[in-house]
Amino acid sequence: MEGNYDRRRRIRRLKKIIAGSILAAMIIPLTVSIALGIYVSRLKGRISELEEELASLRNISSEETGIYTTASVETFSRSQADEPQLMEKEDAANWDKQVYLTFDDGPSANTGRILDILKEYDVKATFFVLGKTDANSIKSYQRIVEEGHTLAMHSYSHKYGEIYRSEDSFVQDLEKLQEHLYQVTGVWSRFYRFPGGSSNAVSKVDMQQLISYLNKNDITYFDWNIASGDAVSVQLPVETIVNNCVSGVDNVSECMILMHDASEKNSTVDALPRIIEQIKGRGDTVFLPITDETVPVQHVTADNISIE
């Protein structure tokens, strides 16, 4: 009897083991399938995000479009003969080179650091800002104005697909930013930098239409003739940014330097003191903010300038 009982116990145990194995064989693949499904779904979402980022980078990458370089476009500065009323400040005339530090895309977490450095070196600059409504951005707008820098426009949204969809879209974006800045600072900004520059290759609208709109509304647009190189997605070494800015001063007298005020552009901020020190050290330069008297630096093609 006892032998039969032990045998039945072994059979029951074996059945449980078999049943457990079968259940595990069913549950484990199902669990793995669900986990893989979730993982694949997340991967698809990330791929979609990366595709959007890539599309955006193609709009602003110097390697793809050349819009943040100066070598691929002809640069034209209106001469005093072309615009006899356009004269630099009297004190600037004593210097061989007028240097304009310009910062696109702010305000950001780095704006305060940039302003601190400019204050330390007693240098005025120009900020081509975006439309932001958070408390820190509003304080940054106000500080830019209070400390004597120029508050300029770089579009409200910085979304190429929306801004350059039509002339109406461009105007709506610009006016929204202009009114926003006026409400928070009391400054009616009249200086503009096109996202991607006036020579950008992404606008669905003829840039001449947009330029004509700006001209009719007494808004002056500014491009650049010296690029820091910080428009790329990777963070450039400080030394590279310094060299890009300082070496460019040799080639032009109206030095419109393009930099970016963004949270991820820490190396740009780190490079700023050295840029200022080395340019000042030349002895033939003066730093200025953009004003009504500034000679505009504008990228041009055969379509928007005629040489007589």
C-alpha atoms as a PDB file:
ATOM      1  CA  MET A   1       0.000   0.000   0.000  1.00  0.00           C
ATOM      2  CA  GLU A   2       2.733   2.397   0.961  1.00  0.00           C
ATOM      3  CA  GLY A   3       4.521   1.712  -2.342  1.00  0.00           C
ATOM      4  CA  ASN A   4       1.385   2.515  -4.315  1.00  0.00           C
ATOM      5  CA  TYR A   5       0.945   5.740  -2.349  1.00  0.00           C
ATOM      6  CA  ASP A   6       4.500   6.902  -3.100  1.00  0.00           C
ATOM      7  CA  ARG A   7       4.027   6.045  -6.729  1.00  0.00           C
ATOM      8  CA  ARG A   8       0.815   8.097  -6.931  1.00  0.00           C
ATOM      9  CA  ARG A   9       2.608  10.995  -5.247  1.00  0.00           C
ATOM     10  CA  ARG A  10       5.388  10.827  -7.815  1.00  0.00           C
ATOM     11  CA  ILE A  11       2.848  10.713 -10.638  1.00  0.00           C
ATOM     12  CA  ARG A  12       0.985  13.759  -9.245  1.00  0.00           C
ATOM     13  CA  ARG A  13       4.281  15.620  -8.838  1.00  0.00           C
ATOM     14  CA  LEU A  14       5.250  14.721 -12.374  1.00  0.00           C
ATOM     15  CA  LYS A  15       1.899  15.913 -13.685  1.00  0.00           C
ATOM     16  CA  LYS A  16       2.355  19.233 -11.856  1.00  0.00           C
ATOM     17  CA  ILE A  17       5.812  19.605 -13.325  1.00  0.00           C
ATOM     18  CA  ILE A  18       4.501  18.832 -16.808  1.00  0.00           C
ATOM     19  CA  ALA A  19       1.550  21.224 -16.379  1.00  0.00           C
ATOM     20  CA  GLY A  20       3.868  23.923 -15.046  1.00  0.00           C
ATOM     21  CA  SER A  21       6.246  23.443 -17.931  1.00  0.00           C
ATOM     22  CA  ILE A  22       3.407  23.687 -20.435  1.00  0.00           C
ATOM     23  CA  LEU A  23       2.070  26.821 -18.729  1.00  0.00           C
ATOM     24  CA  ALA A  24       5.514  28.376 -18.634  1.00  0.00           C
ATOM     25  CA  ALA A  25       6.015  27.513 -22.280  1.00  0.00           C
ATOM     26  CA  MET A  26       2.839  29.442 -23.031  1.00  0.00           C
ATOM     27  CA  ILE A  27       3.344  32.408 -20.681  1.00  0.00           C
ATOM     28  CA  ILE A  28       7.014  33.119 -21.347  1.00  0.00           C
ATOM     29  CA  PRO A  29       6.660  33.580 -25.150  1.00  0.00           C
ATOM     30  CA  LEU A  30       3.532  35.663 -24.577  1.00  0.00           C
ATOM     31  CA  THR A  31       5.316  37.862 -22.053  1.00  0.00           C
ATOM     32  CA  VAL A  32       8.315  38.202 -24.338  1.00  0.00           C
ATOM     33  CA  SER A  33       6.024  39.048 -27.259  1.00  0.00           C
ATOM     34  CA  ILE A  34       4.255  41.754 -25.246  1.00  0.00           C
ATOM     35  CA  ALA A  35       7.583  43.192 -24.056  1.00  0.00           C
ATOM     36  CA  LEU A  36       8.952  43.152 -27.591  1.00  0.00           C
ATOM     37  CA  GLY A  37       5.781  44.786 -28.863  1.00  0.00           C
ATOM     38  CA  ILE A  38       6.142  47.600 -26.340  1.00  0.00           C
ATOM     39  CA  TYR A  39       9.827  47.971 -27.162  1.00  0.00           C
ATOM     40  CA  VAL A  40       9.158  48.063 -30.906  1.00  0.00           C
ATOM     41  CA  SER A  41       6.415  50.641 -30.367  1.00  0.00           C
ATOM     42  CA  ARG A  42       8.793  52.812 -28.403  1.00  0.00           C
ATOM     43  CA  LEU A  43      11.457  52.381 -31.068  1.00  0.00           C
ATOM     44  CA  LYS A  44       8.998  53.486 -33.742  1.00  0.00           C
ATOM     45  CA  GLY A  45       8.163  56.568 -31.683  1.00  0.00           C
ATOM     46  CA  ARG A  46      11.833  57.370 -31.230  1.00  0.00           C
ATOM     47  CA  ILE A  47      12.493  56.817 -34.932  1.00  0.00           C
ATOM     48  CA  SER A  48       9.700  59.256 -35.715  1.00  0.00           C
ATOM     49  CA  GLU A  49      11.217  61.808 -33.337  1.00  0.00           C
ATOM     50  CA  LEU A  50      14.659  61.324 -34.884  1.00  0.00           C
ATOM     51  CA  GLU A  51      13.222  61.751 -38.370  1.00  0.00           C
ATOM     52  CA  GLU A  52      11.684  65.079 -37.296  1.00  0.00           C
ATOM     53  CA  GLU A  53      14.974  66.154 -35.745  1.00  0.00           C
ATOM     54  CA  LEU A  54      16.825  65.150 -38.903  1.00  0.00           C
ATOM     55  CA  ALA A  55      14.420  67.156 -41.036  1.00  0.00           C
ATOM     56  CA  SER A  56      14.960  70.139 -38.781  1.00  0.00           C
ATOM     57  CA  LEU A  57      18.729  69.716 -38.886  1.00  0.00           C
ATOM     58  CA  ARG A  58      18.616  69.588 -42.662  1.00  0.00           C
ATOM     59  CA  ASN A  59      17.055  73.017 -42.542  1.00  0.00           C
ATOM     60  CA  ILE A  60      19.805  74.442 -40.366  1.00  0.00           C
ATOM     61  CA  SER A  61      22.841  72.262 -40.982  1.00  0.00           C
ATOM     62  CA  SER A  62      25.672  73.969 -42.766  1.00  0.00           C
ATOM     63  CA  GLU A  63      26.649  70.697 -44.409  1.00  0.00           C
ATOM     64  CA  GLU A  64      23.205  70.199 -45.962  1.00  0.00           C
ATOM     65  CA  THR A  65      22.186  73.711 -46.990  1.00  0.00           C
ATOM     66  CA  GLY A  66      25.099  76.012 -46.394  1.00  0.00           C
ATOM     67  CA  ILE A  67      22.824  78.541 -44.751  1.00  0.00           C
ATOM     68  CA  TYR A  68      25.037  78.959 -41.710  1.00  0.00           C
ATOM     69  CA  THR A  69      28.250  79.442 -43.643  1.00  0.00           C
ATOM     70  CA  THR A  70      29.648  82.458 -45.418  1.00  0.00           C
ATOM     71  CA  ALA A  71      31.779  80.750 -48.024  1.00  0.00           C
ATOM     72  CA  SER A  72      28.863  79.513 -50.130  1.00  0.00           C
ATOM     73  CA  VAL A  73      27.032  82.819 -50.464  1.00  0.00           C
ATOM     74  CA  GLU A  74      28.058  86.222 -51.659  1.00  0.00           C
ATOM     75  CA  THR A  75      27.811  88.827 -48.917  1.00  0.00           C
ATOM     76  CA  PHE A  76      26.854  92.397 -49.637  1.00  0.00           C
ATOM     77  CA  SER A  77      27.069  95.324 -47.248  1.00  0.00           C
ATOM     78  CA  ARG A  78      25.333  98.460 -48.428  1.00  0.00           C
ATOM     79  CA  SER A  79      27.964 101.148 -48.887  1.00  0.00           C
ATOM     80  CA  GLN A  80      27.550 104.767 -47.860  1.00  0.00           C
ATOM     81  CA  ALA A  81      27.333 105.622 -51.554  1.00  0.00           C
ATOM     82  CA  ASP A  82      24.269 103.369 -51.857  1.00  0.00           C
ATOM     83  CA  GLU A  83      22.671 104.762 -48.701  1.00  0.00           C
ATOM     84  CA  PRO A  84      24.168 108.178 -47.934  1.00  0.00           C
ATOM     85  CA  GLN A  85      22.008 108.571 -44.822  1.00  0.00           C
ATOM     86  CA  LEU A  86      23.322 105.332 -43.329  1.00  0.00           C
ATOM     87  CA  MET A  87      26.328 106.327 -41.194  1.00  0.00           C
ATOM     88  CA  GLU A  88      27.968 104.640 -38.238  1.00  0.00           C
ATOM     89  CA  LYS A  89      28.239 106.408 -34.925  1.00  0.00           C
ATOM     90  CA  GLU A  90      30.929 109.051 -34.863  1.00  0.00           C
ATOM     91  CA  ASP A  91      33.041 107.171 -32.324  1.00  0.00           C
ATOM     92  CA  ALA A  92      32.938 104.003 -34.452  1.00  0.00           C
ATOM     93  CA  ALA A  93      34.503 105.868 -37.378  1.00  0.00           C
ATOM     94  CA  ASN A  94      37.785 105.931 -35.505  1.00  0.00           C
ATOM     95  CA  TRP A  95      38.091 102.151 -35.690  1.00  0.00           C
ATOM     96  CA  ASP A  96      39.021 100.010 -38.686  1.00  0.00           C
ATOM     97  CA  LYS A  97      36.563  97.273 -37.808  1.00  0.00           C
ATOM     98  CA  GLN A  98      33.088  97.401 -36.274  1.00  0.00           C
ATOM     99  CA  VAL A  99      32.217  94.119 -34.565  1.00  0.00           C
ATOM    100  CA  TYR A 100      28.644  93.011 -33.890  1.00  0.00           C
ATOM    101  CA  LEU A 101      28.129  90.024 -31.613  1.00  0.00           C
ATOM    102  CA  THR A 102      24.723  88.567 -32.471  1.00  0.00           C
ATOM    103  CA  PHE A 103      22.948  85.734 -30.679  1.00  0.00           C
ATOM    104  CA  ASP A 104      20.105  83.775 -32.282  1.00  0.00           C
ATOM    105  CA  ASP A 105      17.371  81.567 -30.776  1.00  0.00           C
ATOM    106  CA  GLY A 106      17.174  82.880 -27.212  1.00  0.00           C
ATOM    107  CA  PRO A 107      16.209  83.476 -24.545  1.00  0.00           C
ATOM    108  CA  SER A 108      17.544  80.299 -22.993  1.00  0.00           C
ATOM    109  CA  ALA A 109      19.078  78.979 -19.801  1.00  0.00           C
ATOM    110  CA  ASN A 110      22.361  80.457 -21.072  1.00  0.00           C
ATOM    111  CA  THR A 111      21.115  84.011 -21.645  1.00  0.00           C
ATOM    112  CA  GLY A 112      21.978  85.103 -18.131  1.00  0.00           C
ATOM    113  CA  ARG A 113      25.546  83.807 -18.467  1.00  0.00           C
ATOM    114  CA  ILE A 114      25.954  85.599 -21.794  1.00  0.00           C
ATOM    115  CA  LEU A 115      24.674  88.861 -20.324  1.00  0.00           C
ATOM    116  CA  ASP A 116      26.970  88.512 -17.320  1.00  0.00           C
ATOM    117  CA  ILE A 117      30.004  88.125 -19.601  1.00  0.00           C
ATOM    118  CA  LEU A 118      28.982  91.065 -21.784  1.00  0.00           C
ATOM    119  CA  LYS A 119      28.527  93.193 -18.671  1.00  0.00           C
ATOM    120  CA  GLU A 120      31.925  92.164 -17.306  1.00  0.00           C
ATOM    121  CA  TYR A 121      33.659  93.213 -20.536  1.00  0.00           C
ATOM    122  CA  ASP A 122      31.441  96.281 -21.083  1.00  0.00           C
ATOM    123  CA  VAL A 123      30.360  95.011 -24.506  1.00  0.00           C
ATOM    124  CA  LYS A 124      26.963  95.566 -26.111  1.00  0.00           C
ATOM    125  CA  ALA A 125      25.462  92.921 -28.391  1.00  0.00           C
ATOM    126  CA  THR A 126      22.320  92.078 -30.351  1.00  0.00           C
ATOM    127  CA  PHE A 127      19.897  89.280 -29.492  1.00  0.00           C
ATOM    128  CA  PHE A 128      17.703  87.898 -32.284  1.00  0.00           C
ATOM    129  CA  VAL A 129      15.099  86.277 -30.087  1.00  0.00           C
ATOM    130  CA  LEU A 130      12.199  83.862 -30.419  1.00  0.00           C
ATOM    131  CA  GLY A 131       8.740  84.145 -28.867  1.00  0.00           C
ATOM    132  CA  LYS A 132       8.719  82.717 -25.354  1.00  0.00           C
ATOM    133  CA  THR A 133       6.264  83.420 -22.570  1.00  0.00           C
ATOM    134  CA  ASP A 134       7.750  81.787 -19.469  1.00  0.00           C
ATOM    135  CA  ALA A 135       8.808  84.021 -16.576  1.00  0.00           C
ATOM    136  CA  ASN A 136      12.548  83.482 -17.072  1.00  0.00           C
ATOM    137  CA  SER A 137      12.361  84.406 -20.754  1.00  0.00           C
ATOM    138  CA  ILE A 138      10.410  87.566 -20.014  1.00  0.00           C
ATOM    139  CA  LYS A 139      13.039  88.568 -17.444  1.00  0.00           C
ATOM    140  CA  SER A 140      15.728  87.893 -20.048  1.00  0.00           C
ATOM    141  CA  TYR A 141      13.985  90.108 -22.638  1.00  0.00           C
ATOM    142  CA  GLN A 142      13.776  92.871 -20.071  1.00  0.00           C
ATOM    143  CA  ARG A 143      17.367  92.503 -18.948  1.00  0.00           C
ATOM    144  CA  ILE A 144      18.602  92.617 -22.554  1.00  0.00           C
ATOM    145  CA  VAL A 145      16.893  95.972 -22.970  1.00  0.00           C
ATOM    146  CA  GLU A 146      17.805  97.348 -19.534  1.00  0.00           C
ATOM    147  CA  GLU A 147      21.507  96.623 -20.047  1.00  0.00           C
ATOM    148  CA  GLY A 148      21.660  98.445 -23.373  1.00  0.00           C
ATOM    149  CA  HIS A 149      21.692  95.573 -25.823  1.00  0.00           C
ATOM    150  CA  THR A 150      19.559  95.465 -28.953  1.00  0.00           C
ATOM    151  CA  LEU A 151      16.427  93.332 -28.868  1.00  0.00           C
ATOM    152  CA  ALA A 152      15.851  92.015 -32.388  1.00  0.00           C
ATOM    153  CA  MET A 153      13.541  89.425 -33.946  1.00  0.00           C
ATOM    154  CA  HIS A 154      14.243  85.910 -35.215  1.00  0.00           C
ATOM    155  CA  SER A 155      10.635  84.678 -35.617  1.00  0.00           C
ATOM    156  CA  TYR A 156       8.134  83.675 -32.949  1.00  0.00           C
ATOM    157  CA  SER A 157       8.086  79.927 -33.538  1.00  0.00           C
ATOM    158  CA  HIS A 158      11.293  79.177 -35.483  1.00  0.00           C
ATOM    159  CA  LYS A 159       9.299  76.460 -37.275  1.00  0.00           C
ATOM    160  CA  TYR A 160      10.458  76.621 -40.865  1.00  0.00           C
ATOM    161  CA  GLY A 161       7.474  74.717 -42.231  1.00  0.00           C
ATOM    162  CA  GLU A 162       5.054  77.229 -40.752  1.00  0.00           C
ATOM    163  CA  ILE A 163       7.007  80.464 -41.181  1.00  0.00           C
ATOM    164  CA  TYR A 164       7.889  79.889 -44.816  1.00  0.00           C
ATOM    165  CA  ARG A 165       4.607  78.258 -45.861  1.00  0.00           C
ATOM    166  CA  SER A 166       3.231  81.532 -47.239  1.00  0.00           C
ATOM    167  CA  GLU A 167       3.723  85.258 -46.959  1.00  0.00           C
ATOM    168  CA  ASP A 168       0.696  85.465 -44.645  1.00  0.00           C
ATOM    169  CA  SER A 169       2.199  82.836 -42.341  1.00  0.00           C
ATOM    170  CA  PHE A 170       5.477  84.747 -42.249  1.00  0.00           C
ATOM    171  CA  VAL A 171       3.737  88.027 -41.450  1.00  0.00           C
ATOM    172  CA  GLN A 172       1.573  86.489 -38.737  1.00  0.00           C
ATOM    173  CA  ASP A 173       4.608  84.956 -37.054  1.00  0.00           C
ATOM    174  CA  LEU A 174       6.612  88.177 -37.212  1.00  0.00           C
ATOM    175  CA  GLU A 175       3.787  90.394 -35.968  1.00  0.00           C
ATOM    176  CA  LYS A 176       3.082  88.009 -33.093  1.00  0.00           C
ATOM    177  CA  LEU A 177       6.698  88.286 -31.957  1.00  0.00           C
ATOM    178  CA  GLN A 178       6.878  92.038 -32.480  1.00  0.00           C
ATOM    179  CA  GLU A 179       3.764  92.631 -30.388  1.00  0.00           C
ATOM    180  CA  HIS A 180       4.892  90.170 -27.698  1.00  0.00           C
ATOM    181  CA  LEU A 181       8.234  91.931 -27.279  1.00  0.00           C
ATOM    182  CA  TYR A 182       6.502  95.299 -27.118  1.00  0.00           C
ATOM    183  CA  GLN A 183       4.143  94.093 -24.405  1.00  0.00           C
ATOM    184  CA  VAL A 184       6.902  92.759 -22.154  1.00  0.00           C
ATOM    185  CA  THR A 185       9.636  95.359 -22.806  1.00  0.00           C
ATOM    186  CA  GLY A 186       8.073  98.446 -24.388  1.00  0.00           C
ATOM    187  CA  VAL A 187      10.439  98.049 -27.351  1.00  0.00           C
ATOM    188  CA  TRP A 188       8.966  97.981 -30.854  1.00  0.00           C
ATOM    189  CA  SER A 189      11.675  95.948 -32.541  1.00  0.00           C
ATOM    190  CA  ARG A 190      12.535  96.811 -36.148  1.00  0.00           C
ATOM    191  CA  PHE A 191      15.460  94.474 -36.745  1.00  0.00           C
ATOM    192  CA  TYR A 192      15.019  90.946 -38.085  1.00  0.00           C
ATOM    193  CA  ARG A 193      17.039  87.881 -38.955  1.00  0.00           C
ATOM    194  CA  PHE A 194      15.387  85.271 -41.136  1.00  0.00           C
ATOM    195  CA  PRO A 195      15.520  81.746 -39.689  1.00  0.00           C
ATOM    196  CA  GLY A 196      18.191  80.154 -41.850  1.00  0.00           C
ATOM    197  CA  GLY A 197      19.161  83.562 -43.197  1.00  0.00           C
ATOM    198  CA  SER A 198      17.822  85.419 -46.207  1.00  0.00           C
ATOM    199  CA  SER A 199      19.683  82.922 -48.405  1.00  0.00           C
ATOM    200  CA  ASN A 200      17.931  79.878 -46.944  1.00  0.00           C
ATOM    201  CA  ALA A 201      16.921  77.112 -49.330  1.00  0.00           C
ATOM    202  CA  VAL A 202      13.790  75.948 -47.525  1.00  0.00           C
ATOM    203  CA  SER A 203      11.297  78.791 -47.983  1.00  0.00           C
ATOM    204  CA  LYS A 204       8.302  78.002 -50.178  1.00  0.00           C
ATOM    205  CA  VAL A 205       7.865  81.734 -50.643  1.00  0.00           C
ATOM    206  CA  ASP A 206      10.097  83.843 -52.860  1.00  0.00           C
ATOM    207  CA  MET A 207      12.367  85.552 -50.337  1.00  0.00           C
ATOM    208  CA  GLN A 208      12.052  88.756 -52.336  1.00  0.00           C
ATOM    209  CA  GLN A 209       8.390  88.927 -51.274  1.00  0.00           C
ATOM    210  CA  LEU A 210       9.332  88.677 -47.622  1.00  0.00           C
ATOM    211  CA  ILE A 211      12.160  91.173 -47.977  1.00  0.00           C
ATOM    212  CA  SER A 212       9.771  93.545 -49.719  1.00  0.00           C
ATOM    213  CA  TYR A 213       7.336  93.212 -46.810  1.00  0.00           C
ATOM    214  CA  LEU A 214      10.085  94.060 -44.322  1.00  0.00           C
ATOM    215  CA  ASN A 215      11.177  97.074 -46.347  1.00  0.00           C
ATOM    216  CA  LYS A 216       7.626  98.407 -46.578  1.00  0.00           C
ATOM    217  CA  ASN A 217       7.233  98.090 -42.811  1.00  0.00           C
ATOM    218  CA  ASP A 218      10.521  99.772 -41.913  1.00  0.00           C
ATOM    219  CA  ILE A 219      12.107  96.542 -40.674  1.00  0.00           C
ATOM    220  CA  THR A 220      15.765  95.946 -41.519  1.00  0.00           C
ATOM    221  CA  TYR A 221      17.010  92.384 -41.860  1.00  0.00           C
ATOM    222  CA  PHE A 222      20.511  91.285 -40.979  1.00  0.00           C
ATOM    223  CA  ASP A 223      22.433  88.201 -42.003  1.00  0.00           C
ATOM    224  CA  TRP A 224      26.062  87.562 -41.041  1.00  0.00           C
ATOM    225  CA  ASN A 225      29.512  87.392 -42.578  1.00  0.00           C
ATOM    226  CA  ILE A 226      31.271  85.538 -39.751  1.00  0.00           C
ATOM    227  CA  ALA A 227      29.861  82.256 -38.428  1.00  0.00           C
ATOM    228  CA  SER A 228      30.947  80.791 -35.106  1.00  0.00           C
ATOM    229  CA  GLY A 229      29.995  77.349 -36.435  1.00  0.00           C
ATOM    230  CA  ASP A 230      27.848  76.521 -33.411  1.00  0.00           C
ATOM    231  CA  ALA A 231      24.715  75.944 -35.516  1.00  0.00           C
ATOM    232  CA  VAL A 232      25.591  72.269 -35.881  1.00  0.00           C
ATOM    233  CA  SER A 233      23.887  69.724 -33.618  1.00  0.00           C
ATOM    234  CA  VAL A 234      27.105  68.587 -31.941  1.00  0.00           C
ATOM    235  CA  GLN A 235      28.794  70.814 -29.379  1.00  0.00           C
ATOM    236  CA  LEU A 236      31.923  72.275 -30.922  1.00  0.00           C
ATOM    237  CA  PRO A 237      35.121  72.645 -28.896  1.00  0.00           C
ATOM    238  CA  VAL A 238      35.645  76.098 -27.403  1.00  0.00           C
ATOM    239  CA  GLU A 239      38.871  76.505 -29.369  1.00  0.00           C
ATOM    240  CA  THR A 240      37.053  75.935 -32.675  1.00  0.00           C
ATOM    241  CA  ILE A 241      34.402  78.546 -31.929  1.00  0.00           C
ATOM    242  CA  VAL A 242      37.012  81.085 -30.823  1.00  0.00           C
ATOM    243  CA  ASN A 243      39.075  80.522 -33.959  1.00  0.00           C
ATOM    244  CA  ASN A 244      36.046  80.744 -36.265  1.00  0.00           C
ATOM    245  CA  CYS A 245      35.042  84.100 -34.812  1.00  0.00           C
ATOM    246  CA  VAL A 246      38.451  85.699 -34.385  1.00  0.00           C
ATOM    247  CA  SER A 247      39.903  84.640 -37.738  1.00  0.00           C
ATOM    248  CA  GLY A 248      36.848  85.956 -39.563  1.00  0.00           C
ATOM    249  CA  VAL A 249      37.534  89.502 -38.412  1.00  0.00           C
ATOM    250  CA  ASP A 250      40.564  89.658 -40.714  1.00  0.00           C
ATOM    251  CA  ASN A 251      38.402  89.447 -43.820  1.00  0.00           C
ATOM    252  CA  VAL A 252      35.743  92.145 -43.339  1.00  0.00           C
ATOM    253  CA  SER A 253      35.356  95.576 -41.786  1.00  0.00           C
ATOM    254  CA  GLU A 254      31.699  95.220 -40.785  1.00  0.00           C
ATOM    255  CA  CYS A 255      32.002  92.062 -38.688  1.00  0.00           C
ATOM    256  CA  MET A 256      28.564  90.540 -38.122  1.00  0.00           C
ATOM    257  CA  ILE A 257      29.264  87.454 -36.000  1.00  0.00           C
ATOM    258  CA  LEU A 258      26.632  84.727 -35.759  1.00  0.00           C
ATOM    259  CA  MET A 259      26.356  82.789 -32.498  1.00  0.00           C
ATOM    260  CA  HIS A 260      23.527  80.984 -30.776  1.00  0.00           C
ATOM    261  CA  ASP A 261      21.877  81.503 -27.416  1.00  0.00           C
ATOM    262  CA  ALA A 262      20.536  78.052 -26.589  1.00  0.00           C
ATOM    263  CA  SER A 263      20.582  75.802 -23.550  1.00  0.00           C
ATOM    264  CA  GLU A 264      22.826  73.229 -25.233  1.00  0.00           C
ATOM    265  CA  LYS A 265      25.360  75.784 -26.536  1.00  0.00           C
ATOM    266  CA  ASN A 266      27.537  75.816 -23.422  1.00  0.00           C
ATOM    267  CA  SER A 267      30.778  75.857 -25.390  1.00  0.00           C
ATOM    268  CA  THR A 268      29.622  79.048 -27.140  1.00  0.00           C
ATOM    269  CA  VAL A 269      29.229  80.750 -23.777  1.00  0.00           C
ATOM    270  CA  ASP A 270      32.571  79.372 -22.592  1.00  0.00           C
ATOM    271  CA  ALA A 271      34.215  80.733 -25.745  1.00  0.00           C
ATOM    272  CA  LEU A 272      32.711  84.222 -25.441  1.00  0.00           C
ATOM    273  CA  PRO A 273      35.282  85.757 -23.035  1.00  0.00           C
ATOM    274  CA  ARG A 274      38.157  84.609 -25.215  1.00  0.00           C
ATOM    275  CA  ILE A 275      36.434  85.897 -28.357  1.00  0.00           C
ATOM    276  CA  ILE A 276      36.002  89.325 -26.805  1.00  0.00           C
ATOM    277  CA  GLU A 277      39.526  89.430 -25.372  1.00  0.00           C
ATOM    278  CA  GLN A 278      41.212  88.391 -28.603  1.00  0.00           C
ATOM    279  CA  ILE A 279      39.190  90.726 -30.805  1.00  0.00           C
ATOM    280  CA  LYS A 280      39.729  93.626 -28.417  1.00  0.00           C
ATOM    281  CA  GLY A 281      43.403  92.757 -28.304  1.00  0.00           C
ATOM    282  CA  ARG A 282      43.765  93.565 -31.995  1.00  0.00           C
ATOM    283  CA  GLY A 283      43.550  97.250 -31.164  1.00  0.00           C
ATOM    284  CA  ASP A 284      41.604  98.161 -34.301  1.00  0.00           C
ATOM    285  CA  THR A 285      38.093  97.020 -33.353  1.00  0.00           C
ATOM    286  CA  VAL A 286      35.050  98.337 -31.547  1.00  0.00           C
ATOM    287  CA  PHE A 287      32.068  96.269 -30.355  1.00  0.00           C
ATOM    288  CA  LEU A 288      28.648  97.693 -31.194  1.00  0.00           C
ATOM    289  CA  PRO A 289      24.999  96.674 -30.928  1.00  0.00           C
ATOM    290  CA  ILE A 290      22.889  96.899 -34.063  1.00  0.00           C
ATOM    291  CA  THR A 291      21.176 100.283 -34.389  1.00  0.00           C
ATOM    292  CA  ASP A 292      19.486 102.325 -37.106  1.00  0.00           C
ATOM    293  CA  GLU A 293      22.959 103.496 -38.124  1.00  0.00           C
ATOM    294  CA  THR A 294      24.367  99.993 -38.618  1.00  0.00           C
ATOM    295  CA  VAL A 295      25.284  99.065 -42.169  1.00  0.00           C
ATOM    296  CA  PRO A 296      23.241  95.888 -42.887  1.00  0.00           C
ATOM    297  CA  VAL A 297      25.101  92.734 -43.833  1.00  0.00           C
ATOM    298  CA  GLN A 298      22.827  90.756 -46.125  1.00  0.00           C
ATOM    299  CA  HIS A 299      23.223  87.576 -48.142  1.00  0.00           C
ATOM    300  CA  VAL A 300      22.266  88.165 -51.735  1.00  0.00           C
ATOM    301  CA  THR A 301      21.906  86.375 -55.052  1.00  0.00           C
ATOM    302  CA  ALA A 302      21.605  87.625 -58.623  1.00  0.00           C
ATOM    303  CA  ASP A 303      17.854  87.807 -58.040  1.00  0.00           C
ATOM    304  CA  ASN A 304      17.923  90.422 -55.310  1.00  0.00           C
ATOM    305  CA  ILE A 305      20.708  92.748 -56.369  1.00  0.00           C
ATOM    306  CA  SER A 306      21.630  94.269 -59.668  1.00  0.00           C
ATOM    307  CA  ILE A 307      25.089  95.689 -60.275  1.00  0.00           C
ATOM    308  CA  GLU A 308      24.997  98.651 -62.591  1.00  0.00           C
END
